[in-house]
Amino acid sequence: MFSVGKQCFSTEHFRQKYQSSGLLRIQGTMGPFRCAYECLVRRSCHSINFYPGNALCELLYLQQADMSYSTPSASQLHIEKSQMPPMVRLDRVNVHPCNDSACGENERCDVLFNNNVICSITECSPLRMHKLWRPRHTHALAVGTEVEFYCLSHPALQTHVLKCNQNGAWRITHETKENIQRCKRYECDRHNNAIYIERTHGCYAFVNMKTTHHDAQAYCRASFADAHLLLLDTMDKVGAVKDNVILLLFNEDPFVWVDGIYNKSLQTVDTWTGKTTRQQLGKLQAYANIGEDAEPGCFALFPLVSAIAVKDCQEAFVFICEIDVNDG
């Protein structure tokens, strides 16, 4: 039972469990009524964890449907936002007109003496989940919070630090480019037969198996996470792939399947990124031989001269998978 003056509020309104993720901010020492108030004046807050033993208040941004509860000790309690208004009414604190439509996300609403409100940014939006790096610890979203990111494939490797600015935006305050590239290499090394090429910051798996273009694309997608047939969209990538591996591994094969299916009637090329035009690709020297009279088919690289040819998609060639190790 919690009390304010002669008024009581039963702890039965609290769940005897708590949410351990989705932390919006940690409030300093305060009672349960003030903790509820701090949640009610923020649209981004949907519930609180309260720790009676040390009067610690945690504001949480996750919606109830997204929560996964843990069983806490007897000193940890959780309450949903919908159950909080009776608490602040007991405390005789004016929350109205600070409802969830008064201010925006990540803002705190304050009631003025004339019952108008002012809104101030107090938090940043939740950080998106990264593919290559993650925070080591649970972090809040309060302005001033700094979050350190570490490489998932090599947890001792710090990649960068982000800080929540006063304007509600995250800003990179520290970034180690060398560690970021090392992290990409570590991620690439996790894949069998994959090679990381520093020049393009790319990861490539060279598959010495002859198959059709369709089956080659299917193999890449099924065998590696976030992979597809190699898309040669820059001459730098053409040269780097050729110089590093193709001539060593595939010197007996004149052609290597790469991404791209040419539609002659539309003069367009379908790639894993979408549709582009023959004219657009023609700006790259590797595609210079593909003119208006080129027959429909699939793209194959002729490594000896770094040129792309359009071949019958049913022919069987070796191929290259490009594995995405860039964060995105």
Protein backbone atom coordinates (compact mmCIF):
# COMPACT_ATOMS: atom_id res chain seq x y z
CA MET A 1 0.00 0.00 0.00
CA PHE A 2 1.28 3.47 -0.94
CA SER A 3 -0.10 6.57 0.74
CA VAL A 4 -0.12 10.32 0.25
CA GLY A 5 -1.50 12.26 3.20
CA LYS A 6 -4.44 10.19 4.41
CA GLN A 7 -5.07 8.71 0.94
CA CYS A 8 -3.95 5.22 0.04
CA PHE A 9 -3.26 3.49 -3.25
CA SER A 10 -3.13 -0.28 -3.24
CA THR A 11 -0.12 -2.02 -4.73
CA GLU A 12 -2.62 -4.44 -6.25
CA HIS A 13 -2.79 -1.95 -9.13
CA PHE A 14 0.84 -2.85 -9.88
CA ARG A 15 1.84 -6.01 -11.69
CA GLN A 16 4.08 -8.22 -9.60
CA LYS A 17 6.50 -8.35 -12.49
CA TYR A 18 8.45 -5.83 -14.45
CA GLN A 19 9.59 -4.97 -17.95
CA SER A 20 13.37 -5.15 -18.33
CA SER A 21 13.72 -3.47 -21.73
CA GLY A 22 12.34 -0.42 -23.50
CA LEU A 23 13.91 2.00 -21.02
CA LEU A 24 12.96 5.62 -21.76
CA ARG A 25 14.74 7.20 -18.82
CA ILE A 26 15.70 6.59 -15.20
CA GLN A 27 14.37 9.16 -12.77
CA GLY A 28 16.23 9.98 -9.58
CA THR A 29 14.97 9.23 -6.11
CA MET A 30 11.22 9.81 -5.95
CA GLY A 31 8.02 8.21 -4.75
CA PRO A 32 5.57 6.16 -6.82
CA PHE A 33 3.14 9.07 -7.29
CA ARG A 34 5.78 11.35 -8.77
CA CYS A 35 7.04 8.48 -10.91
CA ALA A 36 3.54 8.02 -12.35
CA TYR A 37 3.26 11.77 -12.95
CA GLU A 38 6.53 11.81 -14.94
CA CYS A 39 5.10 9.11 -17.17
CA LEU A 40 1.72 10.80 -17.64
CA VAL A 41 3.31 14.03 -18.90
CA ARG A 42 5.19 12.18 -21.64
CA ARG A 43 3.45 10.77 -24.71
CA SER A 44 6.37 8.38 -25.25
CA CYS A 45 5.97 6.79 -21.81
CA HIS A 46 3.59 3.82 -21.60
CA SER A 47 4.39 2.27 -18.24
CA ILE A 48 6.80 2.41 -15.29
CA ASN A 49 8.93 0.13 -13.19
CA PHE A 50 9.11 1.27 -9.57
CA TYR A 51 11.52 -0.01 -6.94
CA PRO A 52 10.17 0.87 -3.45
CA GLY A 53 13.36 -0.24 -1.69
CA ASN A 54 15.50 2.53 -3.22
CA ALA A 55 12.71 4.77 -4.62
CA LEU A 56 13.99 4.26 -8.16
CA CYS A 57 11.68 5.11 -11.07
CA GLU A 58 12.06 3.77 -14.62
CA LEU A 59 9.94 5.19 -17.43
CA LEU A 60 9.32 2.73 -20.27
CA TYR A 61 8.46 3.42 -23.90
CA LEU A 62 7.33 -0.02 -25.09
CA GLN A 63 3.63 -0.58 -25.68
CA GLN A 64 2.01 -3.28 -23.56
CA ALA A 65 1.66 -5.64 -26.53
CA ASP A 66 5.43 -5.48 -27.15
CA MET A 67 6.50 -6.18 -23.58
CA SER A 68 8.07 -9.35 -22.29
CA TYR A 69 7.77 -9.44 -18.53
CA SER A 70 10.25 -10.89 -16.08
CA THR A 71 9.56 -12.10 -12.58
CA PRO A 72 11.19 -9.61 -10.20
CA SER A 73 12.07 -9.63 -6.57
CA ALA A 74 9.45 -8.44 -4.09
CA SER A 75 10.82 -4.89 -4.34
CA GLN A 76 10.07 -4.41 -8.06
CA LEU A 77 6.68 -3.30 -9.35
CA HIS A 78 5.21 -2.40 -12.73
CA ILE A 79 2.14 -0.35 -13.63
CA GLU A 80 0.56 0.55 -16.98
CA LYS A 81 -0.15 4.15 -17.93
CA SER A 82 -3.88 3.53 -18.10
CA GLN A 83 -3.88 2.76 -14.36
CA MET A 84 -1.95 5.86 -13.29
CA PRO A 85 -4.54 8.72 -13.28
CA PRO A 86 -6.04 7.69 -9.92
CA MET A 87 -2.57 7.95 -8.37
CA VAL A 88 -1.97 11.55 -9.40
CA ARG A 89 -5.51 12.54 -8.43
CA LEU A 90 -4.75 11.28 -4.93
CA ASP A 91 -1.57 13.32 -4.98
CA ARG A 92 -3.59 16.40 -6.05
CA VAL A 93 -1.14 17.12 -8.86
CA ASN A 94 -2.48 18.85 -11.96
CA VAL A 95 -1.80 16.73 -15.04
CA HIS A 96 -4.61 18.10 -17.21
CA PRO A 97 -4.27 19.36 -19.94
CA CYS A 98 -1.08 17.31 -20.36
CA ASN A 99 -2.62 14.38 -22.20
CA ASP A 100 -0.95 12.36 -24.92
CA SER A 101 -1.99 14.82 -27.63
CA ALA A 102 -0.66 17.95 -25.88
CA CYS A 103 3.00 17.39 -26.85
CA GLY A 104 4.90 15.27 -29.33
CA GLU A 105 6.91 12.10 -28.98
CA ASN A 106 10.03 12.42 -26.80
CA GLU A 107 8.70 15.62 -25.21
CA ARG A 108 7.71 16.45 -21.62
CA CYS A 109 4.59 18.50 -20.96
CA ASP A 110 4.53 21.16 -18.24
CA VAL A 111 1.36 22.92 -17.06
CA LEU A 112 1.61 26.69 -16.60
CA PHE A 113 -0.29 28.74 -14.02
CA ASN A 114 -2.87 29.76 -16.67
CA ASN A 115 -3.41 26.08 -17.56
CA ASN A 116 -1.53 26.39 -20.85
CA VAL A 117 1.27 23.93 -21.55
CA ILE A 118 4.83 24.10 -22.74
CA CYS A 119 6.62 21.18 -24.37
CA SER A 120 10.32 20.45 -24.07
CA ILE A 121 12.40 17.70 -25.62
CA THR A 122 13.66 15.35 -22.93
CA GLU A 123 14.43 12.15 -24.83
CA CYS A 124 15.53 10.81 -28.21
CA SER A 125 13.76 8.15 -30.25
CA PRO A 126 14.78 4.52 -29.69
CA LEU A 127 17.91 3.57 -31.61
CA ARG A 128 17.31 1.18 -34.45
CA MET A 129 18.75 -2.29 -34.22
CA HIS A 130 22.03 -2.59 -36.09
CA LYS A 131 23.16 -5.64 -37.98
CA LEU A 132 26.87 -5.37 -37.20
CA TRP A 133 27.05 -3.63 -33.82
CA ARG A 134 24.96 -3.30 -30.69
CA PRO A 135 25.12 -1.51 -27.35
CA ARG A 136 26.72 -3.68 -24.69
CA HIS A 137 24.31 -2.58 -21.97
CA THR A 138 20.68 -1.54 -21.65
CA HIS A 139 20.51 2.22 -22.09
CA ALA A 140 18.02 5.01 -21.57
CA LEU A 141 16.98 7.58 -24.18
CA ALA A 142 17.26 10.71 -22.04
CA VAL A 143 18.95 13.81 -23.42
CA GLY A 144 22.65 13.60 -22.58
CA THR A 145 22.76 9.79 -22.65
CA GLU A 146 25.83 8.32 -24.39
CA VAL A 147 25.61 4.83 -25.89
CA GLU A 148 28.69 2.80 -26.78
CA PHE A 149 28.41 0.35 -29.67
CA TYR A 150 30.49 -2.81 -30.02
CA CYS A 151 31.00 -5.23 -32.89
CA LEU A 152 28.67 -8.22 -32.67
CA SER A 153 31.25 -10.54 -34.24
CA HIS A 154 34.00 -9.28 -31.93
CA PRO A 155 32.45 -7.85 -28.74
CA ALA A 156 35.71 -6.31 -27.48
CA LEU A 157 35.82 -4.01 -30.50
CA GLN A 158 34.19 -0.63 -29.92
CA THR A 159 32.99 0.94 -33.16
CA HIS A 160 31.39 4.23 -32.19
CA VAL A 161 29.59 6.26 -29.53
CA LEU A 162 26.25 8.05 -29.95
CA LYS A 163 24.87 10.83 -27.76
CA CYS A 164 21.27 12.02 -27.40
CA ASN A 165 21.35 15.76 -28.14
CA GLN A 166 19.07 18.46 -26.75
CA ASN A 167 17.24 18.61 -30.10
CA GLY A 168 16.15 14.98 -29.70
CA ALA A 169 18.53 13.61 -32.34
CA TRP A 170 21.31 11.08 -31.85
CA ARG A 171 24.77 12.30 -32.86
CA ILE A 172 27.95 10.31 -33.38
CA THR A 173 30.50 11.70 -30.91
CA HIS A 174 33.20 9.10 -31.52
CA GLU A 175 33.82 6.74 -34.41
CA THR A 176 36.76 4.43 -35.04
CA LYS A 177 36.80 3.82 -38.79
CA GLU A 178 39.52 1.20 -38.45
CA ASN A 179 37.41 -0.79 -35.98
CA ILE A 180 34.34 -0.46 -38.20
CA GLN A 181 36.26 -1.99 -41.11
CA ARG A 182 37.66 -4.69 -38.83
CA CYS A 183 34.11 -5.44 -37.69
CA LYS A 184 32.99 -5.84 -41.31
CA ARG A 185 35.91 -8.17 -41.93
CA TYR A 186 35.04 -10.24 -38.84
CA GLU A 187 31.44 -10.45 -40.06
CA CYS A 188 32.61 -11.56 -43.50
CA ASP A 189 34.91 -14.19 -42.01
CA ARG A 190 31.89 -15.83 -40.38
CA HIS A 191 30.78 -17.03 -43.82
CA ASN A 192 32.41 -20.05 -45.41
CA ASN A 193 34.62 -19.30 -48.43
CA ALA A 194 33.92 -15.58 -48.21
CA ILE A 195 36.62 -12.98 -48.84
CA TYR A 196 36.64 -9.39 -47.59
CA ILE A 197 38.08 -6.87 -50.05
CA GLU A 198 39.33 -3.71 -48.36
CA ARG A 199 39.16 -1.67 -51.57
CA THR A 200 35.39 -1.92 -51.81
CA HIS A 201 34.65 -2.72 -48.14
CA GLY A 202 32.73 -5.68 -49.55
CA CYS A 203 32.34 -9.36 -48.75
CA TYR A 204 32.24 -11.89 -51.60
CA ALA A 205 31.79 -15.64 -51.76
CA PHE A 206 33.15 -17.27 -54.90
CA VAL A 207 31.17 -20.39 -55.70
CA ASN A 208 33.01 -22.83 -57.93
CA MET A 209 29.87 -24.61 -59.07
CA LYS A 210 28.34 -24.27 -62.52
CA THR A 211 24.62 -23.58 -62.61
CA THR A 212 22.00 -21.40 -64.28
CA HIS A 213 21.62 -17.73 -63.46
CA HIS A 214 18.34 -18.29 -61.61
CA ASP A 215 19.78 -21.11 -59.50
CA ALA A 216 22.91 -19.08 -58.77
CA GLN A 217 20.79 -16.23 -57.39
CA ALA A 218 18.74 -18.71 -55.35
CA TYR A 219 21.91 -20.30 -53.97
CA CYS A 220 23.29 -16.95 -52.78
CA ARG A 221 20.06 -16.03 -51.00
CA ALA A 222 19.68 -19.44 -49.39
CA SER A 223 23.29 -19.94 -48.34
CA PHE A 224 24.18 -16.56 -46.82
CA ALA A 225 22.37 -13.94 -44.78
CA ASP A 226 21.61 -10.77 -46.75
CA ALA A 227 23.26 -12.03 -49.93
CA HIS A 228 22.61 -11.90 -53.67
CA LEU A 229 24.51 -12.33 -56.90
CA LEU A 230 27.30 -9.78 -57.18
CA LEU A 231 26.04 -6.47 -58.54
CA LEU A 232 28.79 -4.73 -60.48
CA ASP A 233 27.59 -1.15 -60.14
CA THR A 234 31.01 0.54 -60.06
CA MET A 235 34.18 0.03 -62.06
CA ASP A 236 36.09 0.02 -58.79
CA LYS A 237 34.15 -3.07 -57.77
CA VAL A 238 34.78 -4.71 -61.16
CA GLY A 239 38.52 -4.16 -60.83
CA ALA A 240 38.75 -5.14 -57.18
CA VAL A 241 36.88 -8.42 -57.65
CA LYS A 242 38.88 -9.28 -60.74
CA ASP A 243 42.27 -8.43 -59.20
CA ASN A 244 41.71 -10.17 -55.90
CA VAL A 245 40.19 -13.51 -56.68
CA ILE A 246 38.49 -14.23 -59.98
CA LEU A 247 41.62 -14.77 -62.04
CA LEU A 248 43.02 -17.07 -59.36
CA LEU A 249 39.95 -19.21 -58.77
CA PHE A 250 38.09 -19.21 -62.06
CA ASN A 251 40.83 -19.09 -64.69
CA GLU A 252 39.34 -22.09 -66.49
CA ASP A 253 35.92 -20.46 -66.88
CA PRO A 254 35.44 -17.68 -69.42
CA PHE A 255 32.31 -16.27 -67.74
CA VAL A 256 31.05 -15.70 -64.20
CA TRP A 257 27.39 -15.04 -63.39
CA VAL A 258 26.69 -11.65 -61.82
CA ASP A 259 23.46 -9.84 -60.98
CA GLY A 260 21.31 -8.47 -63.81
CA ILE A 261 18.61 -9.70 -66.21
CA TYR A 262 18.28 -7.74 -69.43
CA ASN A 263 14.86 -7.03 -71.00
CA LYS A 264 15.47 -6.06 -74.63
CA SER A 265 11.95 -4.80 -75.41
CA LEU A 266 11.96 -2.41 -72.45
CA GLN A 267 15.71 -1.69 -72.56
CA THR A 268 15.77 -2.27 -68.79
CA VAL A 269 17.79 -4.40 -66.37
CA ASP A 270 16.35 -6.11 -63.29
CA THR A 271 18.74 -6.35 -60.34
CA TRP A 272 18.27 -7.16 -56.68
CA THR A 273 17.99 -3.44 -55.97
CA GLY A 274 15.22 -2.92 -58.52
CA LYS A 275 14.92 -1.93 -62.15
CA THR A 276 17.39 0.29 -64.01
CA THR A 277 17.94 1.23 -67.65
CA ARG A 278 20.51 -0.08 -70.09
CA GLN A 279 21.59 3.52 -70.70
CA GLN A 280 22.24 4.07 -67.01
CA LEU A 281 24.45 1.00 -66.72
CA GLY A 282 26.10 1.90 -70.01
CA LYS A 283 27.87 4.76 -68.25
CA LEU A 284 30.17 2.13 -66.74
CA GLN A 285 32.90 0.89 -69.05
CA ALA A 286 32.18 -2.74 -68.15
CA TYR A 287 28.74 -2.49 -69.79
CA ALA A 288 29.89 -0.64 -72.92
CA ASN A 289 29.38 -3.68 -75.16
CA ILE A 290 25.68 -3.98 -74.34
CA GLY A 291 24.00 -2.00 -77.11
CA GLU A 292 20.40 -1.65 -78.28
CA ASP A 293 20.72 -4.80 -80.40
CA ALA A 294 21.80 -6.97 -77.45
CA GLU A 295 19.64 -10.04 -77.03
CA PRO A 296 17.68 -10.54 -73.80
CA GLY A 297 19.40 -12.63 -71.15
CA CYS A 298 21.43 -12.58 -67.96
CA PHE A 299 24.61 -10.76 -67.10
CA ALA A 300 27.93 -12.58 -66.92
CA LEU A 301 31.36 -11.09 -66.32
CA PHE A 302 34.20 -11.86 -68.72
CA PRO A 303 37.06 -11.36 -66.23
CA LEU A 304 39.97 -11.21 -68.67
CA VAL A 305 38.76 -7.93 -70.13
CA SER A 306 36.54 -6.74 -67.23
CA ALA A 307 33.50 -6.67 -69.49
CA ILE A 308 29.87 -7.69 -69.02
CA ALA A 309 28.17 -9.88 -71.59
CA VAL A 310 24.52 -10.89 -71.94
CA LYS A 311 24.25 -14.67 -71.96
CA ASP A 312 21.46 -17.21 -72.17
CA CYS A 313 20.15 -17.53 -68.60
CA GLN A 314 20.03 -21.32 -68.94
CA GLU A 315 23.75 -21.65 -69.51
CA ALA A 316 25.82 -22.91 -66.61
CA PHE A 317 28.59 -20.78 -65.15
CA VAL A 318 30.33 -20.36 -61.82
CA PHE A 319 29.19 -17.31 -59.86
CA ILE A 320 29.90 -14.81 -57.09
CA CYS A 321 27.66 -14.04 -54.12
CA GLU A 322 27.87 -10.59 -52.58
CA ILE A 323 27.20 -10.64 -48.83
CA ASP A 324 26.02 -7.40 -47.30
CA VAL A 325 28.31 -6.52 -44.39
CA ASN A 326 27.43 -2.85 -44.43
CA ASP A 327 25.18 -1.74 -41.64
CA GLY A 328 21.72 -0.88 -42.83
